[in-house]
N, C-alpha and C. Protein backbone atom coordinates (compact mmCIF):
# COMPACT_ATOMS: atom_id res chain seq x y z
N MET A 1 43.60 -67.77 -69.90
CA MET A 1 42.59 -66.74 -69.85
C MET A 1 42.72 -65.87 -71.10
N ASP A 2 41.66 -65.75 -71.84
CA ASP A 2 41.67 -64.98 -73.08
C ASP A 2 41.10 -63.58 -72.84
N PHE A 3 41.77 -62.62 -73.42
CA PHE A 3 41.29 -61.24 -73.36
C PHE A 3 40.83 -60.83 -74.74
N PHE A 4 39.70 -60.20 -74.77
CA PHE A 4 39.17 -59.71 -76.03
C PHE A 4 39.15 -58.18 -75.97
N PHE A 5 39.91 -57.57 -76.82
CA PHE A 5 39.94 -56.11 -76.87
C PHE A 5 39.18 -55.64 -78.11
N CYS A 6 38.32 -54.71 -77.89
CA CYS A 6 37.56 -54.13 -79.00
C CYS A 6 38.01 -52.68 -79.17
N LEU A 7 38.70 -52.41 -80.26
CA LEU A 7 39.14 -51.06 -80.55
C LEU A 7 38.24 -50.47 -81.63
N PRO A 8 37.55 -49.40 -81.30
CA PRO A 8 36.70 -48.79 -82.34
C PRO A 8 37.54 -48.09 -83.39
N ILE A 9 37.18 -48.29 -84.63
CA ILE A 9 37.84 -47.62 -85.74
C ILE A 9 36.83 -46.64 -86.31
N ILE A 10 37.17 -45.37 -86.22
CA ILE A 10 36.26 -44.32 -86.68
C ILE A 10 36.80 -43.77 -87.99
N PHE A 11 35.95 -43.76 -89.03
CA PHE A 11 36.36 -43.23 -90.32
C PHE A 11 35.20 -42.51 -90.96
N GLY A 12 35.51 -41.68 -91.93
CA GLY A 12 34.47 -40.92 -92.63
C GLY A 12 35.06 -40.11 -93.77
N CYS A 13 34.18 -39.38 -94.46
CA CYS A 13 34.59 -38.56 -95.60
C CYS A 13 33.95 -37.17 -95.49
N PRO A 14 34.44 -36.33 -94.58
CA PRO A 14 33.86 -34.99 -94.46
C PRO A 14 34.38 -34.04 -95.54
N THR A 15 33.64 -32.97 -95.76
CA THR A 15 34.03 -31.95 -96.72
C THR A 15 34.49 -30.71 -95.97
N LYS A 16 35.65 -30.20 -96.33
CA LYS A 16 36.20 -29.00 -95.70
C LYS A 16 36.21 -27.89 -96.75
N VAL A 17 35.82 -26.69 -96.33
CA VAL A 17 35.76 -25.54 -97.23
C VAL A 17 36.71 -24.47 -96.71
N LYS A 18 37.59 -23.97 -97.60
CA LYS A 18 38.53 -22.91 -97.24
C LYS A 18 38.40 -21.77 -98.24
N PRO A 19 38.44 -20.51 -97.76
CA PRO A 19 38.41 -19.37 -98.69
C PRO A 19 39.57 -19.44 -99.67
N ASP A 20 39.31 -19.01 -100.89
CA ASP A 20 40.32 -19.12 -101.95
C ASP A 20 40.11 -17.98 -102.95
N GLY A 21 41.19 -17.36 -103.39
CA GLY A 21 41.10 -16.35 -104.44
C GLY A 21 40.60 -15.01 -103.93
N ASN A 22 39.88 -14.30 -104.80
CA ASN A 22 39.38 -12.97 -104.50
C ASN A 22 38.30 -13.03 -103.41
N GLN A 23 38.48 -12.27 -102.35
CA GLN A 23 37.54 -12.31 -101.23
C GLN A 23 36.65 -11.06 -101.17
N ALA A 24 36.43 -10.41 -102.30
CA ALA A 24 35.52 -9.26 -102.33
C ALA A 24 34.10 -9.75 -102.01
N ALA A 25 33.38 -8.97 -101.20
CA ALA A 25 32.01 -9.35 -100.83
C ALA A 25 31.11 -9.34 -102.06
N ARG A 26 30.32 -10.39 -102.18
CA ARG A 26 29.38 -10.52 -103.30
C ARG A 26 27.99 -10.82 -102.75
N ILE A 27 26.98 -10.56 -103.55
CA ILE A 27 25.60 -10.70 -103.11
C ILE A 27 25.11 -12.12 -103.36
N CYS A 28 24.59 -12.77 -102.31
CA CYS A 28 24.08 -14.13 -102.41
C CYS A 28 22.74 -14.14 -103.15
N PRO A 29 22.56 -15.03 -104.13
CA PRO A 29 21.28 -15.07 -104.85
C PRO A 29 20.13 -15.64 -104.01
N ARG A 30 20.42 -16.35 -102.93
CA ARG A 30 19.35 -16.92 -102.10
C ARG A 30 18.90 -15.95 -101.01
N CYS A 31 19.84 -15.46 -100.17
CA CYS A 31 19.45 -14.63 -99.02
C CYS A 31 19.68 -13.14 -99.24
N HIS A 32 20.30 -12.74 -100.36
CA HIS A 32 20.53 -11.34 -100.75
C HIS A 32 21.42 -10.59 -99.76
N ASN A 33 22.27 -11.28 -99.02
CA ASN A 33 23.24 -10.63 -98.15
C ASN A 33 24.58 -10.55 -98.89
N ALA A 34 25.39 -9.59 -98.50
CA ALA A 34 26.71 -9.43 -99.12
C ALA A 34 27.71 -10.32 -98.37
N ALA A 35 27.55 -11.64 -98.49
CA ALA A 35 28.38 -12.58 -97.74
C ALA A 35 28.91 -13.72 -98.61
N MET A 36 28.85 -13.58 -99.91
CA MET A 36 29.31 -14.64 -100.81
C MET A 36 30.81 -14.48 -101.07
N PHE A 37 31.55 -15.58 -101.09
CA PHE A 37 32.99 -15.53 -101.35
C PHE A 37 33.40 -16.78 -102.11
N SER A 38 34.56 -16.70 -102.77
CA SER A 38 35.05 -17.87 -103.50
C SER A 38 35.80 -18.77 -102.52
N ALA A 39 35.68 -20.08 -102.72
CA ALA A 39 36.28 -21.04 -101.80
C ALA A 39 36.65 -22.31 -102.54
N LYS A 40 37.46 -23.13 -101.88
CA LYS A 40 37.81 -24.44 -102.40
C LYS A 40 37.21 -25.48 -101.48
N SER A 41 36.40 -26.37 -102.03
CA SER A 41 35.75 -27.44 -101.27
C SER A 41 36.49 -28.74 -101.53
N ARG A 42 36.90 -29.41 -100.48
CA ARG A 42 37.67 -30.64 -100.64
C ARG A 42 37.12 -31.72 -99.71
N THR A 43 36.90 -32.90 -100.25
CA THR A 43 36.44 -34.05 -99.47
C THR A 43 37.65 -34.92 -99.14
N TRP A 44 37.76 -35.30 -97.88
CA TRP A 44 38.89 -36.09 -97.39
C TRP A 44 38.42 -37.42 -96.83
N PHE A 45 39.25 -38.44 -96.95
CA PHE A 45 39.03 -39.68 -96.21
C PHE A 45 39.74 -39.51 -94.88
N GLU A 46 39.00 -39.68 -93.77
CA GLU A 46 39.57 -39.51 -92.44
C GLU A 46 39.52 -40.83 -91.68
N LEU A 47 40.57 -41.06 -90.92
CA LEU A 47 40.65 -42.22 -90.03
C LEU A 47 40.97 -41.70 -88.64
N CYS A 48 40.07 -41.93 -87.70
CA CYS A 48 40.22 -41.42 -86.33
C CYS A 48 40.41 -39.90 -86.32
N PHE A 49 39.62 -39.18 -87.11
CA PHE A 49 39.60 -37.72 -87.19
C PHE A 49 40.88 -37.12 -87.76
N VAL A 50 41.70 -37.92 -88.44
CA VAL A 50 42.92 -37.43 -89.08
C VAL A 50 42.71 -37.51 -90.59
N PRO A 51 42.71 -36.35 -91.31
CA PRO A 51 42.56 -36.39 -92.76
C PRO A 51 43.77 -37.07 -93.41
N LEU A 52 43.51 -38.11 -94.21
CA LEU A 52 44.60 -38.87 -94.82
C LEU A 52 44.69 -38.71 -96.33
N ILE A 53 43.57 -38.89 -97.03
CA ILE A 53 43.59 -38.92 -98.49
C ILE A 53 42.57 -37.92 -99.04
N PRO A 54 43.01 -36.94 -99.87
CA PRO A 54 42.04 -36.05 -100.51
C PRO A 54 41.29 -36.83 -101.60
N MET A 55 39.96 -36.80 -101.52
CA MET A 55 39.16 -37.60 -102.46
C MET A 55 38.62 -36.76 -103.62
N ASN A 56 38.14 -35.56 -103.33
CA ASN A 56 37.48 -34.74 -104.34
C ASN A 56 37.79 -33.29 -104.03
N SER A 57 37.93 -32.48 -105.07
CA SER A 57 38.23 -31.07 -104.89
C SER A 57 37.49 -30.27 -105.96
N LYS A 58 36.92 -29.12 -105.56
CA LYS A 58 36.26 -28.24 -106.54
C LYS A 58 36.23 -26.82 -106.00
N HIS A 59 36.14 -25.87 -106.92
CA HIS A 59 36.04 -24.46 -106.57
C HIS A 59 34.56 -24.08 -106.54
N VAL A 60 34.15 -23.37 -105.49
CA VAL A 60 32.74 -23.02 -105.31
C VAL A 60 32.61 -21.56 -104.88
N TRP A 61 31.40 -21.03 -105.05
CA TRP A 61 30.99 -19.78 -104.42
C TRP A 61 30.20 -20.19 -103.19
N MET A 62 30.50 -19.60 -102.03
CA MET A 62 29.81 -19.99 -100.80
C MET A 62 29.31 -18.76 -100.06
N CYS A 63 28.11 -18.85 -99.51
CA CYS A 63 27.54 -17.78 -98.70
C CYS A 63 27.83 -18.09 -97.23
N GLY A 64 28.41 -17.15 -96.52
CA GLY A 64 28.73 -17.36 -95.11
C GLY A 64 27.53 -17.29 -94.19
N ILE A 65 26.37 -16.85 -94.69
CA ILE A 65 25.18 -16.73 -93.84
C ILE A 65 24.24 -17.91 -94.05
N CYS A 66 23.81 -18.16 -95.29
CA CYS A 66 22.84 -19.24 -95.54
C CYS A 66 23.51 -20.54 -95.98
N GLN A 67 24.85 -20.56 -96.09
CA GLN A 67 25.63 -21.75 -96.44
C GLN A 67 25.36 -22.28 -97.85
N LEU A 68 24.85 -21.44 -98.74
CA LEU A 68 24.64 -21.85 -100.13
C LEU A 68 25.99 -22.09 -100.79
N GLN A 69 26.12 -23.21 -101.51
CA GLN A 69 27.33 -23.51 -102.27
C GLN A 69 26.95 -23.71 -103.73
N VAL A 70 27.61 -22.95 -104.61
CA VAL A 70 27.36 -23.04 -106.05
C VAL A 70 28.70 -23.30 -106.71
N ASN A 71 28.78 -24.32 -107.57
CA ASN A 71 30.02 -24.61 -108.30
C ASN A 71 30.37 -23.42 -109.20
N MET A 72 31.66 -23.11 -109.28
CA MET A 72 32.10 -22.04 -110.17
C MET A 72 31.90 -22.48 -111.61
N GLN A 73 31.23 -21.62 -112.37
CA GLN A 73 30.96 -21.91 -113.77
C GLN A 73 31.51 -20.77 -114.61
N PRO A 74 32.05 -21.07 -115.79
CA PRO A 74 32.55 -19.98 -116.63
C PRO A 74 31.40 -19.07 -117.07
N GLY A 75 31.61 -17.77 -116.95
CA GLY A 75 30.60 -16.82 -117.39
C GLY A 75 29.60 -16.41 -116.32
N TRP A 76 29.67 -16.98 -115.11
CA TRP A 76 28.74 -16.57 -114.05
C TRP A 76 29.49 -16.30 -112.76
N GLU A 77 29.22 -15.15 -112.19
CA GLU A 77 29.75 -14.77 -110.89
C GLU A 77 28.65 -14.03 -110.14
N PRO A 78 28.59 -14.16 -108.81
CA PRO A 78 27.63 -13.35 -108.06
C PRO A 78 27.98 -11.87 -108.20
N GLN A 79 26.97 -11.03 -108.11
CA GLN A 79 27.16 -9.59 -108.25
C GLN A 79 28.02 -9.05 -107.10
N ILE A 80 28.96 -8.17 -107.41
CA ILE A 80 29.82 -7.58 -106.38
C ILE A 80 29.00 -6.55 -105.60
N ALA A 81 29.10 -6.59 -104.27
CA ALA A 81 28.37 -5.65 -103.42
C ALA A 81 29.05 -4.29 -103.47
N GLN A 82 28.29 -3.26 -103.75
CA GLN A 82 28.80 -1.89 -103.79
C GLN A 82 28.93 -1.35 -102.37
N PRO A 83 29.82 -0.37 -102.14
CA PRO A 83 29.91 0.23 -100.80
C PRO A 83 28.56 0.80 -100.38
N GLY A 84 28.16 0.52 -99.16
CA GLY A 84 26.87 0.98 -98.65
C GLY A 84 25.71 0.07 -99.01
N TYR A 85 26.00 -1.14 -99.53
CA TYR A 85 24.93 -2.07 -99.90
C TYR A 85 24.09 -2.42 -98.69
N GLN A 86 22.76 -2.44 -98.89
CA GLN A 86 21.84 -2.78 -97.82
C GLN A 86 20.87 -3.84 -98.32
N HIS A 87 20.56 -4.81 -97.46
CA HIS A 87 19.63 -5.89 -97.80
C HIS A 87 18.31 -5.29 -98.28
N PRO A 88 17.68 -5.83 -99.35
CA PRO A 88 16.45 -5.24 -99.90
C PRO A 88 15.32 -5.09 -98.89
N GLN A 89 15.17 -6.02 -97.94
CA GLN A 89 14.09 -5.92 -96.97
C GLN A 89 14.36 -4.87 -95.90
N LEU A 90 15.63 -4.47 -95.73
CA LEU A 90 15.98 -3.51 -94.69
C LEU A 90 16.08 -2.08 -95.22
N GLN A 91 15.96 -1.87 -96.51
CA GLN A 91 16.09 -0.53 -97.06
C GLN A 91 14.98 0.35 -96.54
N GLY A 92 15.36 1.51 -96.05
CA GLY A 92 14.38 2.46 -95.54
C GLY A 92 14.08 2.29 -94.07
N GLN A 93 14.47 1.20 -93.43
CA GLN A 93 14.19 0.99 -92.02
C GLN A 93 15.20 1.70 -91.14
N TYR A 94 16.41 1.85 -91.64
CA TYR A 94 17.47 2.47 -90.85
C TYR A 94 17.89 3.77 -91.52
N GLY A 95 18.28 4.72 -90.74
CA GLY A 95 18.72 6.00 -91.28
C GLY A 95 18.37 7.10 -90.31
N PRO A 96 18.48 8.34 -90.74
CA PRO A 96 18.17 9.44 -89.84
C PRO A 96 16.68 9.45 -89.49
N PRO A 97 16.34 9.85 -88.27
CA PRO A 97 14.93 9.88 -87.88
C PRO A 97 14.16 10.91 -88.70
N GLN A 98 12.91 10.63 -88.94
CA GLN A 98 12.08 11.49 -89.77
C GLN A 98 11.41 12.61 -88.97
N ASN A 99 11.31 12.47 -87.64
CA ASN A 99 10.66 13.52 -86.85
C ASN A 99 11.65 14.66 -86.60
N THR A 100 11.14 15.78 -86.12
CA THR A 100 11.97 16.98 -85.99
C THR A 100 12.63 17.13 -84.64
N GLY A 101 12.20 16.45 -83.63
CA GLY A 101 12.81 16.61 -82.30
C GLY A 101 12.49 15.43 -81.41
N TYR A 102 12.88 15.58 -80.15
CA TYR A 102 12.66 14.51 -79.18
C TYR A 102 11.20 14.50 -78.78
N GLU A 103 10.54 13.34 -78.93
CA GLU A 103 9.13 13.20 -78.60
C GLU A 103 8.94 11.91 -77.82
N PRO A 104 9.05 11.94 -76.49
CA PRO A 104 8.83 10.71 -75.72
C PRO A 104 7.38 10.27 -75.85
N GLY A 105 7.18 8.95 -75.85
CA GLY A 105 5.86 8.39 -76.07
C GLY A 105 4.92 8.51 -74.88
N TYR A 106 5.42 8.79 -73.69
CA TYR A 106 4.56 8.82 -72.51
C TYR A 106 3.96 10.21 -72.27
N ILE A 107 4.39 11.23 -73.00
CA ILE A 107 3.81 12.57 -72.83
C ILE A 107 2.73 12.76 -73.88
N GLN A 108 1.56 13.16 -73.43
CA GLN A 108 0.45 13.41 -74.35
C GLN A 108 0.65 14.77 -75.03
N PRO A 109 0.40 14.84 -76.31
CA PRO A 109 0.54 16.14 -76.99
C PRO A 109 -0.49 17.13 -76.45
N GLN A 110 -0.08 18.39 -76.36
CA GLN A 110 -0.99 19.43 -75.87
C GLN A 110 -1.93 19.87 -76.96
N LYS A 111 -3.19 20.17 -76.56
CA LYS A 111 -4.21 20.57 -77.53
C LYS A 111 -4.41 22.04 -77.54
């Protein structure tokens, strides 16, 4: 009696990104959020979900919100976010109220 065993072999080459170097918040050129950081991107050969051989490695700028990855180039860095930085579309929407007191919307103003 012959037995045939089929063992699946799962392999792949995923890319893993880890923060690296200066982690000061920088402004993303795509989404304009202060979420850009320097990172190291490395591609691994994996067998059964175990990373075995590093295939490729590079330093990148990565945005934690929109996932933009830009290779580090000499002479270019994203702008550093200043304290109190606010997204351009949100400027003016938040802050102290402009009215002088409490004015519930269900009370009609007196004439």
